[in-house]
Amino acid sequence: MAQAEPEDGDKTLTVDEMNFAVEGEVYDLVNSFEIDYYKGVFQKGYVVYANGNRGSC
């Protein structure tokens, strides 16, 4: 997933007026996406969760 112009075969998701391109094959395999913005002390950026799975390390 990227915040970019979609290529042939990509699907587009719009979240909070921002467009994200997803490869068509991935889009077909995943039932739902959750896109969040994380801002920590040392890092910041988008976090993508697929199928409601937030996972852990």
PDB file of N, CA and C in Angstrom:
ATOM      1  N   MET A   1       0.848  -1.152   0.000  1.00  0.00           N
ATOM      2  CA  MET A   1       0.000   0.000   0.000  1.00  0.00           C
ATOM      3  C   MET A   1       0.895   1.215   0.000  1.00  0.00           C
ATOM      4  N   ALA A   2       0.511   2.202  -0.777  1.00  0.00           N
ATOM      5  CA  ALA A   2       1.310   3.419  -0.863  1.00  0.00           C
ATOM      6  C   ALA A   2       0.404   4.605  -1.115  1.00  0.00           C
ATOM      7  N   GLN A   3       0.833   5.743  -0.661  1.00  0.00           N
ATOM      8  CA  GLN A   3       0.123   6.962  -1.010  1.00  0.00           C
ATOM      9  C   GLN A   3       0.756   7.439  -2.305  1.00  0.00           C
ATOM     10  N   ALA A   4       0.175   6.997  -3.412  1.00  0.00           N
ATOM     11  CA  ALA A   4       0.747   7.269  -4.722  1.00  0.00           C
ATOM     12  C   ALA A   4      -0.346   7.157  -5.775  1.00  0.00           C
ATOM     13  N   GLU A   5       0.024   7.508  -6.991  1.00  0.00           N
ATOM     14  CA  GLU A   5      -0.904   7.333  -8.100  1.00  0.00           C
ATOM     15  C   GLU A   5      -1.049   5.840  -8.371  1.00  0.00           C
ATOM     16  N   PRO A   6      -2.273   5.359  -8.541  1.00  0.00           N
ATOM     17  CA  PRO A   6      -2.461   3.934  -8.801  1.00  0.00           C
ATOM     18  C   PRO A   6      -1.907   3.535 -10.165  1.00  0.00           C
ATOM     19  N   GLU A   7      -1.384   2.311 -10.225  1.00  0.00           N
ATOM     20  CA  GLU A   7      -0.926   1.733 -11.483  1.00  0.00           C
ATOM     21  C   GLU A   7      -2.024   0.830 -12.019  1.00  0.00           C
ATOM     22  N   ASP A   8      -1.836   0.320 -13.212  1.00  0.00           N
ATOM     23  CA  ASP A   8      -2.828  -0.581 -13.805  1.00  0.00           C
ATOM     24  C   ASP A   8      -3.088  -1.757 -12.874  1.00  0.00           C
ATOM     25  N   GLY A   9      -4.347  -2.055 -12.601  1.00  0.00           N
ATOM     26  CA  GLY A   9      -4.730  -3.174 -11.756  1.00  0.00           C
ATOM     27  C   GLY A   9      -4.834  -2.835 -10.277  1.00  0.00           C
ATOM     28  N   ASP A  10      -4.421  -1.628  -9.878  1.00  0.00           N
ATOM     29  CA  ASP A  10      -4.497  -1.224  -8.475  1.00  0.00           C
ATOM     30  C   ASP A  10      -5.906  -0.773  -8.122  1.00  0.00           C
ATOM     31  N   LYS A  11      -6.240  -0.880  -6.855  1.00  0.00           N
ATOM     32  CA  LYS A  11      -7.494  -0.356  -6.307  1.00  0.00           C
ATOM     33  C   LYS A  11      -7.142   0.879  -5.479  1.00  0.00           C
ATOM     34  N   THR A  12      -8.096   1.767  -5.302  1.00  0.00           N
ATOM     35  CA  THR A  12      -7.860   2.989  -4.539  1.00  0.00           C
ATOM     36  C   THR A  12      -8.756   3.028  -3.316  1.00  0.00           C
ATOM     37  N   LEU A  13      -8.173   3.329  -2.162  1.00  0.00           N
ATOM     38  CA  LEU A  13      -8.909   3.541  -0.920  1.00  0.00           C
ATOM     39  C   LEU A  13      -8.779   5.015  -0.547  1.00  0.00           C
ATOM     40  N   THR A  14      -9.853   5.600  -0.060  1.00  0.00           N
ATOM     41  CA  THR A  14      -9.810   6.981   0.395  1.00  0.00           C
ATOM     42  C   THR A  14     -10.098   6.998   1.887  1.00  0.00           C
ATOM     43  N   VAL A  15      -9.169   7.564   2.650  1.00  0.00           N
ATOM     44  CA  VAL A  15      -9.292   7.665   4.097  1.00  0.00           C
ATOM     45  C   VAL A  15      -9.003   9.108   4.474  1.00  0.00           C
ATOM     46  N   ASP A  16      -9.961   9.749   5.130  1.00  0.00           N
ATOM     47  CA  ASP A  16      -9.800  11.144   5.548  1.00  0.00           C
ATOM     48  C   ASP A  16      -9.304  12.019   4.395  1.00  0.00           C
ATOM     49  N   GLU A  17      -9.938  11.877   3.254  1.00  0.00           N
ATOM     50  CA  GLU A  17      -9.653  12.656   2.048  1.00  0.00           C
ATOM     51  C   GLU A  17      -8.261  12.411   1.473  1.00  0.00           C
ATOM     52  N   MET A  18      -7.610  11.306   1.864  1.00  0.00           N
ATOM     53  CA  MET A  18      -6.312  10.930   1.304  1.00  0.00           C
ATOM     54  C   MET A  18      -6.490   9.626   0.537  1.00  0.00           C
ATOM     55  N   ASN A  19      -5.919   9.548  -0.661  1.00  0.00           N
ATOM     56  CA  ASN A  19      -6.036   8.356  -1.496  1.00  0.00           C
ATOM     57  C   ASN A  19      -4.822   7.459  -1.316  1.00  0.00           C
ATOM     58  N   PHE A  20      -5.075   6.160  -1.216  1.00  0.00           N
ATOM     59  CA  PHE A  20      -4.031   5.153  -1.105  1.00  0.00           C
ATOM     60  C   PHE A  20      -4.240   4.124  -2.203  1.00  0.00           C
ATOM     61  N   ALA A  21      -3.157   3.738  -2.869  1.00  0.00           N
ATOM     62  CA  ALA A  21      -3.217   2.714  -3.912  1.00  0.00           C
ATOM     63  C   ALA A  21      -2.857   1.362  -3.309  1.00  0.00           C
ATOM     64  N   VAL A  22      -3.646   0.356  -3.645  1.00  0.00           N
ATOM     65  CA  VAL A  22      -3.418  -1.010  -3.166  1.00  0.00           C
ATOM     66  C   VAL A  22      -3.358  -1.921  -4.381  1.00  0.00           C
ATOM     67  N   GLU A  23      -2.355  -2.810  -4.415  1.00  0.00           N
ATOM     68  CA  GLU A  23      -2.281  -3.761  -5.515  1.00  0.00           C
ATOM     69  C   GLU A  23      -3.573  -4.569  -5.569  1.00  0.00           C
ATOM     70  N   GLY A  24      -4.096  -4.764  -6.750  1.00  0.00           N
ATOM     71  CA  GLY A  24      -5.360  -5.464  -6.927  1.00  0.00           C
ATOM     72  C   GLY A  24      -5.385  -6.840  -6.299  1.00  0.00           C
ATOM     73  N   GLU A  25      -4.275  -7.606  -6.407  1.00  0.00           N
ATOM     74  CA  GLU A  25      -4.224  -8.958  -5.841  1.00  0.00           C
ATOM     75  C   GLU A  25      -4.319  -8.913  -4.315  1.00  0.00           C
ATOM     76  N   VAL A  26      -3.675  -7.945  -3.708  1.00  0.00           N
ATOM     77  CA  VAL A  26      -3.715  -7.802  -2.243  1.00  0.00           C
ATOM     78  C   VAL A  26      -5.113  -7.374  -1.818  1.00  0.00           C
ATOM     79  N   TYR A  27      -5.677  -6.430  -2.525  1.00  0.00           N
ATOM     80  CA  TYR A  27      -7.014  -5.927  -2.210  1.00  0.00           C
ATOM     81  C   TYR A  27      -8.033  -7.062  -2.223  1.00  0.00           C
ATOM     82  N   ASP A  28      -7.895  -7.973  -3.185  1.00  0.00           N
ATOM     83  CA  ASP A  28      -8.830  -9.100  -3.292  1.00  0.00           C
ATOM     84  C   ASP A  28      -8.670 -10.105  -2.158  1.00  0.00           C
ATOM     85  N   LEU A  29      -7.483 -10.202  -1.557  1.00  0.00           N
ATOM     86  CA  LEU A  29      -7.220 -11.160  -0.484  1.00  0.00           C
ATOM     87  C   LEU A  29      -7.602 -10.642   0.898  1.00  0.00           C
ATOM     88  N   VAL A  30      -7.625  -9.333   1.066  1.00  0.00           N
ATOM     89  CA  VAL A  30      -7.856  -8.729   2.382  1.00  0.00           C
ATOM     90  C   VAL A  30      -9.289  -8.223   2.459  1.00  0.00           C
ATOM     91  N   ASN A  31      -9.974  -8.570   3.550  1.00  0.00           N
ATOM     92  CA  ASN A  31     -11.370  -8.164   3.706  1.00  0.00           C
ATOM     93  C   ASN A  31     -11.521  -6.710   4.121  1.00  0.00           C
ATOM     94  N   SER A  32     -10.591  -6.213   4.929  1.00  0.00           N
ATOM     95  CA  SER A  32     -10.688  -4.823   5.379  1.00  0.00           C
ATOM     96  C   SER A  32      -9.308  -4.281   5.719  1.00  0.00           C
ATOM     97  N   PHE A  33      -9.157  -2.986   5.542  1.00  0.00           N
ATOM     98  CA  PHE A  33      -7.931  -2.284   5.893  1.00  0.00           C
ATOM     99  C   PHE A  33      -8.250  -1.228   6.937  1.00  0.00           C
ATOM    100  N   GLU A  34      -7.318  -1.002   7.848  1.00  0.00           N
ATOM    101  CA  GLU A  34      -7.416   0.118   8.782  1.00  0.00           C
ATOM    102  C   GLU A  34      -6.108   0.894   8.647  1.00  0.00           C
ATOM    103  N   ILE A  35      -6.213   2.166   8.386  1.00  0.00           N
ATOM    104  CA  ILE A  35      -5.033   3.004   8.216  1.00  0.00           C
ATOM    105  C   ILE A  35      -5.008   4.009   9.350  1.00  0.00           C
ATOM    106  N   ASP A  36      -3.897   4.034  10.064  1.00  0.00           N
ATOM    107  CA  ASP A  36      -3.759   4.919  11.220  1.00  0.00           C
ATOM    108  C   ASP A  36      -2.458   5.693  11.072  1.00  0.00           C
ATOM    109  N   TYR A  37      -2.387   6.850  11.689  1.00  0.00           N
ATOM    110  CA  TYR A  37      -1.160   7.629  11.702  1.00  0.00           C
ATOM    111  C   TYR A  37      -0.568   7.537  13.097  1.00  0.00           C
ATOM    112  N   TYR A  38       0.683   7.106  13.167  1.00  0.00           N
ATOM    113  CA  TYR A  38       1.366   6.933  14.445  1.00  0.00           C
ATOM    114  C   TYR A  38       2.419   8.026  14.586  1.00  0.00           C
ATOM    115  N   LYS A  39       2.445   8.654  15.742  1.00  0.00           N
ATOM    116  CA  LYS A  39       3.475   9.656  16.017  1.00  0.00           C
ATOM    117  C   LYS A  39       4.040   9.368  17.389  1.00  0.00           C
ATOM    118  N   GLY A  40       5.252   8.848  17.419  1.00  0.00           N
ATOM    119  CA  GLY A  40       5.918   8.527  18.666  1.00  0.00           C
ATOM    120  C   GLY A  40       7.098   9.463  18.889  1.00  0.00           C
ATOM    121  N   VAL A  41       7.883   9.165  19.886  1.00  0.00           N
ATOM    122  CA  VAL A  41       9.036   9.999  20.219  1.00  0.00           C
ATOM    123  C   VAL A  41      10.087   9.940  19.108  1.00  0.00           C
ATOM    124  N   PHE A  42      10.346   8.722  18.576  1.00  0.00           N
ATOM    125  CA  PHE A  42      11.414   8.554  17.601  1.00  0.00           C
ATOM    126  C   PHE A  42      10.939   8.240  16.189  1.00  0.00           C
ATOM    127  N   GLN A  43       9.658   7.958  16.010  1.00  0.00           N
ATOM    128  CA  GLN A  43       9.164   7.628  14.681  1.00  0.00           C
ATOM    129  C   GLN A  43       7.760   8.164  14.482  1.00  0.00           C
ATOM    130  N   LYS A  44       7.426   8.330  13.224  1.00  0.00           N
ATOM    131  CA  LYS A  44       6.061   8.697  12.871  1.00  0.00           C
ATOM    132  C   LYS A  44       5.788   8.179  11.473  1.00  0.00           C
ATOM    133  N   GLY A  45       4.534   7.930  11.195  1.00  0.00           N
ATOM    134  CA  GLY A  45       4.153   7.450   9.878  1.00  0.00           C
ATOM    135  C   GLY A  45       2.862   6.670   9.917  1.00  0.00           C
ATOM    136  N   TYR A  46       2.475   6.183   8.760  1.00  0.00           N
ATOM    137  CA  TYR A  46       1.239   5.429   8.646  1.00  0.00           C
ATOM    138  C   TYR A  46       1.454   3.984   9.063  1.00  0.00           C
ATOM    139  N   VAL A  47       0.440   3.436   9.699  1.00  0.00           N
ATOM    140  CA  VAL A  47       0.422   2.027  10.070  1.00  0.00           C
ATOM    141  C   VAL A  47      -0.818   1.431   9.416  1.00  0.00           C
ATOM    142  N   VAL A  48      -0.630   0.307   8.747  1.00  0.00           N
ATOM    143  CA  VAL A  48      -1.741  -0.342   8.050  1.00  0.00           C
ATOM    144  C   VAL A  48      -2.019  -1.684   8.709  1.00  0.00           C
ATOM    145  N   TYR A  49      -3.275  -1.906   9.063  1.00  0.00           N
ATOM    146  CA  TYR A  49      -3.708  -3.168   9.650  1.00  0.00           C
ATOM    147  C   TYR A  49      -4.650  -3.833   8.656  1.00  0.00           C
ATOM    148  N   ALA A  50      -4.470  -5.127   8.429  1.00  0.00           N
ATOM    149  CA  ALA A  50      -5.311  -5.874   7.503  1.00  0.00           C
ATOM    150  C   ALA A  50      -6.233  -6.793   8.284  1.00  0.00           C
ATOM    151  N   ASN A  51      -7.484  -6.844   7.874  1.00  0.00           N
ATOM    152  CA  ASN A  51      -8.491  -7.720   8.477  1.00  0.00           C
ATOM    153  C   ASN A  51      -8.640  -7.504   9.975  1.00  0.00           C
ATOM    154  N   GLY A  52      -8.447  -6.281  10.443  1.00  0.00           N
ATOM    155  CA  GLY A  52      -8.635  -5.959  11.858  1.00  0.00           C
ATOM    156  C   GLY A  52      -7.551  -6.493  12.756  1.00  0.00           C
ATOM    157  N   ASN A  53      -6.469  -7.031  12.195  1.00  0.00           N
ATOM    158  CA  ASN A  53      -5.404  -7.623  12.990  1.00  0.00           C
ATOM    159  C   ASN A  53      -4.319  -6.585  13.262  1.00  0.00           C
ATOM    160  N   ARG A  54      -4.221  -6.165  14.509  1.00  0.00           N
ATOM    161  CA  ARG A  54      -3.209  -5.192  14.878  1.00  0.00           C
ATOM    162  C   ARG A  54      -1.888  -5.846  15.223  1.00  0.00           C
ATOM    163  N   GLY A  55      -1.892  -7.153  15.480  1.00  0.00           N
ATOM    164  CA  GLY A  55      -0.657  -7.903  15.723  1.00  0.00           C
ATOM    165  C   GLY A  55       0.169  -7.348  16.864  1.00  0.00           C
ATOM    166  N   SER A  56       1.274  -8.000  17.140  1.00  0.00           N
ATOM    167  CA  SER A  56       2.208  -7.529  18.167  1.00  0.00           C
ATOM    168  C   SER A  56       3.560  -8.152  17.907  1.00  0.00           C
ATOM    169  N   CYS A  57       4.593  -7.550  18.467  1.00  0.00           N
ATOM    170  CA  CYS A  57       5.959  -8.069  18.301  1.00  0.00           C
ATOM    171  C   CYS A  57       6.448  -8.643  19.601  1.00  0.00           C
TER     172      CYS A  57
END
